[in-house]
Protein backbone atom coordinates (compact mmCIF):
# COMPACT_ATOMS: atom_id res chain seq x y z
CA UNK A 1 -0.11 -0.10 -0.32
CA UNK A 2 2.77 2.56 0.81
CA UNK A 3 5.16 0.83 -2.23
CA UNK A 4 7.66 0.67 0.81
CA UNK A 5 9.80 -2.34 2.33
CA UNK A 6 8.57 -1.80 6.03
CA UNK A 7 10.74 -3.08 8.59
CA UNK A 8 10.53 -2.54 12.68
CA UNK A 9 11.48 0.41 14.27
CA UNK A 10 9.27 2.59 11.75
CA UNK A 11 12.13 2.29 9.02
CA UNK A 12 9.90 2.56 5.76
CA UNK A 13 12.18 2.08 2.41
CA UNK A 14 10.49 3.77 -0.52
CA UNK A 15 11.13 1.37 -3.92
CA UNK A 16 9.93 3.15 -6.79
CA UNK A 17 12.99 5.90 -6.42
CA UNK A 18 15.72 3.23 -6.15
CA UNK A 19 14.39 1.42 -9.38
CA UNK A 20 16.91 3.41 -11.50
CA UNK A 21 19.34 3.02 -9.02
CA UNK A 22 19.04 -1.10 -8.91
CA UNK A 23 18.42 -2.09 -12.78
CA UNK A 24 19.99 1.23 -14.26
CA UNK A 25 17.32 1.19 -16.97
CA UNK A 26 15.62 4.08 -18.57
CA UNK A 27 13.08 6.35 -16.72
CA UNK A 28 12.27 8.46 -19.93
CA UNK A 29 9.35 10.68 -20.64
CA UNK A 30 7.63 7.94 -22.99
CA UNK A 31 5.17 5.82 -21.05
CA UNK A 32 4.73 2.19 -21.37
CA UNK A 33 1.69 1.27 -22.61
CA UNK A 34 -0.03 -2.55 -22.36
CA UNK A 35 -2.18 -3.59 -25.56
CA UNK A 36 -1.11 -1.34 -28.26
CA UNK A 37 -2.12 -2.74 -31.30
CA UNK A 38 0.31 -5.02 -33.71
CA UNK A 39 -0.22 -6.14 -37.23
CA UNK A 40 -1.43 -9.85 -37.50
CA UNK A 41 2.43 -10.94 -38.88
CA UNK A 42 3.68 -9.84 -35.83
CA UNK A 43 1.37 -10.74 -33.43
CA UNK A 44 1.11 -13.94 -35.28
CA UNK A 45 4.64 -15.00 -34.77
CA UNK A 46 4.24 -14.72 -30.79
CA UNK A 47 1.03 -15.39 -30.07
CA UNK A 48 -0.56 -18.12 -32.42
CA UNK A 49 -2.82 -20.62 -30.68
CA UNK A 50 -0.48 -21.27 -28.01
CA UNK A 51 1.57 -18.10 -26.47
CA UNK A 52 5.34 -18.69 -27.10
CA UNK A 53 7.83 -19.39 -24.34
CA UNK A 54 10.31 -17.41 -23.37
CA UNK A 55 13.25 -19.72 -22.96
CA UNK A 56 12.54 -20.99 -26.49
CA UNK A 57 12.34 -17.18 -27.49
CA UNK A 58 15.67 -16.60 -26.07
CA UNK A 59 17.05 -19.55 -28.03
CA UNK A 60 15.66 -18.45 -31.20
CA UNK A 61 17.09 -14.80 -30.71
CA UNK A 62 20.61 -15.77 -31.12
CA UNK A 63 20.25 -16.61 -35.06
CA UNK A 64 18.27 -13.54 -35.11
CA UNK A 65 20.47 -10.99 -37.75
CA UNK A 66 18.07 -8.35 -38.26
CA UNK A 67 18.21 -5.26 -35.75
CA UNK A 68 14.27 -4.56 -35.45
CA UNK A 69 13.39 -8.11 -34.98
CA UNK A 70 16.15 -9.04 -32.29
CA UNK A 71 15.42 -6.18 -30.50
CA UNK A 72 11.71 -7.25 -30.33
CA UNK A 73 12.30 -10.91 -29.35
CA UNK A 74 14.97 -9.40 -26.66
CA UNK A 75 12.34 -7.28 -24.97
CA UNK A 76 9.68 -9.80 -24.96
CA UNK A 77 12.04 -12.43 -23.75
CA UNK A 78 13.40 -9.72 -20.79
CA UNK A 79 9.84 -8.78 -19.86
CA UNK A 80 8.62 -12.53 -19.73
CA UNK A 81 11.73 -13.44 -17.47
CA UNK A 82 12.68 -10.93 -15.77
CA UNK A 83 11.16 -7.37 -15.85
CA UNK A 84 7.53 -8.10 -15.64
CA UNK A 85 7.25 -12.21 -15.11
CA UNK A 86 4.04 -13.66 -14.71
CA UNK A 87 3.37 -16.78 -13.20
CA UNK A 88 4.41 -18.86 -16.54
CA UNK A 89 7.33 -18.32 -18.58
CA UNK A 90 5.02 -17.47 -21.64
CA UNK A 91 5.74 -14.10 -23.78
CA UNK A 92 2.65 -11.68 -22.81
CA UNK A 93 1.14 -10.39 -25.86
CA UNK A 94 -0.14 -7.14 -24.02
CA UNK A 95 3.66 -6.00 -24.21
CA UNK A 96 4.13 -6.53 -28.19
CA UNK A 97 3.07 -3.29 -29.06
CA UNK A 98 5.53 -1.58 -26.69
CA UNK A 99 8.39 -3.62 -27.86
CA UNK A 100 7.73 -3.10 -31.47
CA UNK A 101 8.54 0.79 -30.94
CA UNK A 102 12.18 0.29 -31.26
CA UNK A 103 13.21 3.63 -32.03
CA UNK A 104 11.61 4.53 -28.90
CA UNK A 105 12.81 2.03 -26.10
CA UNK A 106 15.25 3.84 -24.46
CA UNK A 107 12.98 6.94 -24.40
CA UNK A 108 10.43 4.60 -22.45
CA UNK A 109 9.89 4.86 -18.49
CA UNK A 110 10.85 1.42 -17.87
CA UNK A 111 11.45 2.15 -14.24
CA UNK A 112 8.13 3.30 -13.59
CA UNK A 113 6.62 0.10 -15.46
CA UNK A 114 8.34 -2.08 -13.85
CA UNK A 115 7.69 -0.55 -10.43
CA UNK A 116 4.17 -0.48 -11.16
CA UNK A 117 3.84 -3.94 -12.28
CA UNK A 118 5.51 -5.28 -9.14
CA UNK A 119 3.14 -3.36 -7.08
CA UNK A 120 0.51 -4.65 -8.60
CA UNK A 121 1.53 -8.39 -8.38
CA UNK A 122 2.19 -7.86 -4.56
CA UNK A 123 -1.52 -6.62 -4.19
CA UNK A 124 -2.64 -9.10 -6.06
CA UNK A 125 -0.57 -11.74 -4.06
CA UNK A 126 -1.52 -10.53 -0.60
CA UNK A 127 -5.36 -10.46 -1.58
CA UNK A 128 -4.90 -14.01 -2.94
CA UNK A 129 -6.27 -16.62 -0.30
CA UNK A 130 -4.55 -19.70 -2.36
CA UNK A 131 -2.39 -21.81 -0.04
CA UNK A 132 0.59 -21.52 -2.49
CA UNK A 133 0.72 -18.57 -4.70
CA UNK A 134 3.47 -16.72 -7.12
CA UNK A 135 4.43 -12.65 -6.87
CA UNK A 136 4.29 -11.22 -10.31
CA UNK A 137 6.98 -9.10 -11.17
CA UNK A 138 10.69 -8.26 -10.51
CA UNK A 139 11.21 -9.06 -7.07
CA UNK A 140 14.56 -8.90 -7.15
CA UNK A 141 14.65 -5.00 -6.94
CA UNK A 142 13.53 -5.77 -3.44
CA UNK A 143 16.43 -8.67 -2.85
CA UNK A 144 18.75 -5.93 -4.03
CA UNK A 145 17.79 -2.85 -2.10
CA UNK A 146 17.55 -5.55 1.15
CA UNK A 147 20.83 -6.55 1.02
CA UNK A 148 22.21 -3.26 0.35
CA UNK A 149 20.97 -2.15 3.43
CA UNK A 150 22.14 -5.45 5.65
CA UNK A 151 24.26 -3.97 8.37
CA UNK A 152 26.87 -6.24 9.85
CA UNK A 153 30.77 -6.24 10.79
CA UNK A 154 31.19 -9.06 8.74
CA UNK A 155 29.30 -7.90 6.13
CA UNK A 156 29.84 -5.09 2.92
CA UNK A 157 28.80 -4.57 -0.67
CA UNK A 158 31.08 -2.48 -2.83
CA UNK A 159 29.27 1.02 -3.89
CA UNK A 160 28.83 1.60 -7.71
CA UNK A 161 25.58 1.97 -9.87
CA UNK A 162 23.67 0.34 -11.21
CA UNK A 163 23.24 -1.79 -8.12
CA UNK A 164 22.78 -5.15 -9.48
CA UNK A 165 26.27 -4.95 -10.73
CA UNK A 166 27.33 -5.07 -7.44
CA UNK A 167 25.22 -6.92 -5.49
CA UNK A 168 25.98 -10.36 -6.33
CA UNK A 169 25.41 -14.23 -5.82
CA UNK A 170 27.88 -14.36 -2.77
CA UNK A 171 26.05 -11.77 -0.92
CA UNK A 172 22.63 -13.32 -1.55
CA UNK A 173 24.38 -16.47 -0.13
CA UNK A 174 25.57 -14.46 2.74
CA UNK A 175 22.12 -13.00 3.58
CA UNK A 176 20.13 -16.06 2.89
CA UNK A 177 22.43 -18.11 5.11
CA UNK A 178 21.62 -15.45 8.18
CA UNK A 179 18.12 -15.50 10.00
CA UNK A 180 16.44 -12.46 8.93
CA UNK A 181 15.85 -11.75 12.58
CA UNK A 182 19.58 -11.92 13.31
CA UNK A 183 20.56 -9.02 10.68
CA UNK A 184 19.89 -4.95 10.93
CA UNK A 185 19.00 -2.71 8.45
CA UNK A 186 21.03 0.84 8.09
CA UNK A 187 19.18 4.09 7.77
CA UNK A 188 18.71 5.43 3.82
CA UNK A 189 20.80 8.33 4.88
CA UNK A 190 23.70 5.66 5.77
CA UNK A 191 23.61 3.61 2.83
CA UNK A 192 24.52 3.95 -0.72
CA UNK A 193 21.34 5.01 -2.06
CA UNK A 194 22.12 8.51 0.05
CA UNK A 195 23.19 10.61 -2.57
CA UNK A 196 20.64 9.32 -5.22
CA UNK A 197 17.47 9.78 -2.65
CA UNK A 198 19.39 13.69 -1.78
CA UNK A 199 19.13 14.37 -5.98
CA UNK A 200 15.34 14.54 -5.00
CA UNK A 201 14.32 12.59 -8.30
CA UNK A 202 15.59 9.14 -7.83
CA UNK A 203 18.09 9.76 -10.53
CA UNK A 204 21.54 8.08 -10.26
CA UNK A 205 23.71 10.63 -9.11
CA UNK A 206 27.35 9.83 -10.73
CA UNK A 207 27.16 6.76 -13.07
CA UNK A 208 29.19 3.90 -12.74
CA UNK A 209 30.44 4.99 -8.94
CA UNK A 210 28.36 5.95 -5.90
CA UNK A 211 29.42 9.84 -5.31
CA UNK A 212 31.33 8.59 -2.10
CA UNK A 213 32.69 5.50 -3.25
CA UNK A 214 36.42 6.56 -2.41
CA UNK A 215 35.92 7.18 1.01
CA UNK A 216 34.44 5.23 3.95
CA UNK A 217 31.60 7.29 4.74
CA UNK A 218 29.68 4.79 6.65
CA UNK A 219 31.24 5.20 10.16
CA UNK A 220 28.56 2.65 11.59
CA UNK A 221 29.30 -0.44 8.94
CA UNK A 222 32.02 -1.89 11.83
CA UNK A 223 29.98 -1.84 14.56
CA UNK A 224 28.54 -5.20 15.72
CA UNK A 225 25.18 -6.21 14.79
CA UNK A 226 24.48 -6.70 18.57
CA UNK A 227 24.54 -3.08 19.05
CA UNK A 228 21.51 -1.96 20.74
CA UNK A 229 21.67 1.58 19.50
CA UNK A 230 17.99 2.45 18.51
CA UNK A 231 18.83 5.63 16.77
CA UNK A 232 21.08 3.98 14.39
CA UNK A 233 20.10 0.54 14.02
CA UNK A 234 16.47 -0.72 13.05
CA UNK A 235 16.03 -4.70 13.69
CA UNK A 236 14.39 -6.71 10.44
CA UNK A 237 11.05 -7.76 11.85
CA UNK A 238 9.68 -10.92 10.18
CA UNK A 239 6.97 -8.90 8.81
CA UNK A 240 5.26 -8.75 5.27
CA UNK A 241 8.68 -6.80 4.25
CA UNK A 242 11.19 -9.54 5.09
CA UNK A 243 8.72 -12.10 3.83
CA UNK A 244 8.37 -10.60 0.61
CA UNK A 245 12.30 -10.21 0.16
CA UNK A 246 13.15 -14.05 0.31
CA UNK A 247 10.73 -15.00 -2.11
CA UNK A 248 12.84 -14.84 -5.41
CA UNK A 249 11.00 -15.05 -8.51
CA UNK A 250 7.79 -16.46 -8.88
CA UNK A 251 8.41 -18.60 -5.78
CA UNK A 252 5.68 -18.88 -2.57
CA UNK A 253 6.33 -16.43 0.19
CA UNK A 254 4.01 -18.80 2.10
CA UNK A 255 6.69 -21.56 2.02
CA UNK A 256 10.21 -19.00 1.58
CA UNK A 257 12.11 -21.16 4.15
CA UNK A 258 12.35 -23.84 2.26
CA UNK A 259 13.49 -21.51 -0.95
CA UNK A 260 16.96 -20.70 -0.20
CA UNK A 261 18.59 -22.13 -2.90
CA UNK A 262 15.91 -21.02 -5.25
CA UNK A 263 16.54 -17.39 -3.96
CA UNK A 264 20.44 -17.56 -4.82
CA UNK A 265 19.80 -18.80 -8.39
CA UNK A 266 17.18 -16.91 -9.14
CA UNK A 267 19.37 -13.58 -7.87
CA UNK A 268 22.33 -14.71 -9.97
CA UNK A 269 20.25 -15.19 -12.97
CA UNK A 270 18.66 -11.74 -12.31
CA UNK A 271 21.97 -9.85 -12.27
CA UNK A 272 23.33 -11.42 -15.76
CA UNK A 273 19.82 -10.15 -17.31
CA UNK A 274 19.97 -7.30 -15.71
CA UNK A 275 23.14 -5.96 -16.92
CA UNK A 276 22.45 -7.23 -20.63
CA UNK A 277 19.27 -5.62 -20.20
CA UNK A 278 20.89 -2.14 -19.01
CA UNK A 279 23.41 -1.92 -21.94
CA UNK A 280 20.82 -3.41 -24.27
CA UNK A 281 18.47 -0.49 -23.41
CA UNK A 282 21.33 2.06 -23.60
CA UNK A 283 22.24 1.03 -27.19
CA UNK A 284 19.30 1.09 -29.17
C-alpha cells in the first residue's frame, strides 16, 4: 500500500525512487503502454494458438540477424523472464505493441513500468487466499535493496551503480544463510542510496560509481550487529517486508523458508539478465 519496504523500528524504505539505481534502465518521458495494436504478422509470430515460451524465444533470438526483429524478441524475452514475469514463462502479448517501438525503447519509462507491475503483483498476492501462490513482477529489486541495507560487521557490498552489477551471488548467499531476525538494517542516509535520494528525483547521481565510493563514509558499518543503539540501527522484523524479500522470482512467500537455494540461483540469473538489459536499452 505504501510502495515501500516496512521494517520494525519505524523504518520505511521507498522502492520506486530506487528502481533506476538498482536496474540502471531508462526512465524516460514516454509511458510504457500495454495492449497497443500490432499487425497480424507480428502478432502471429508470438501469439498463435499457444503463446511462445520465453526460454524458447531466447534460444531463437541467437539466430536473428536483423536489428528490429532482434530488439523485439529481446524485449519480449526480458519482460517475460525478468522485468515483468507472470506465473508462467510465456511471453505476454500485451507488451508486444510497446516492444515493437524499437526507436523509442530508451526513451520509455521502464523504471516506472517495472515498479507499477511489481506493486500490482504484490497487492494481488496479498489479496489471494490460495495456500500457495506466485508473485508477479521483478522481486529481484526488493532483494537488491534489502541486501544493500544489511548492516553487519562481517558484511559489505561495494559501491557503484547500477546496484545489480555489485550485489552478487555471494552477497545473496551470505544474507540467505543468516536468519532475518539476526540482521540489522542501516538507515537510508547511511546507505549507498543516500546521494540518490538526496538528489530528489531518484536518478543516479554519478553513473558508474557512488559519489562517496572513494571514502568510507559509513562509520557504522564496522559496528557489531548486537549494538542496541536504536537511533542508528533497526532490527529486521519477520513482517511482510522481510517475507517478500526471500521469495525470489515466482516462488511462494508462504513457504519461503524452503526456497533459499532458489533465491540464490534466481538472484544470480537476475544479475546477468539485468546487466544485459541495461546495456541493451542504452544502446538502441
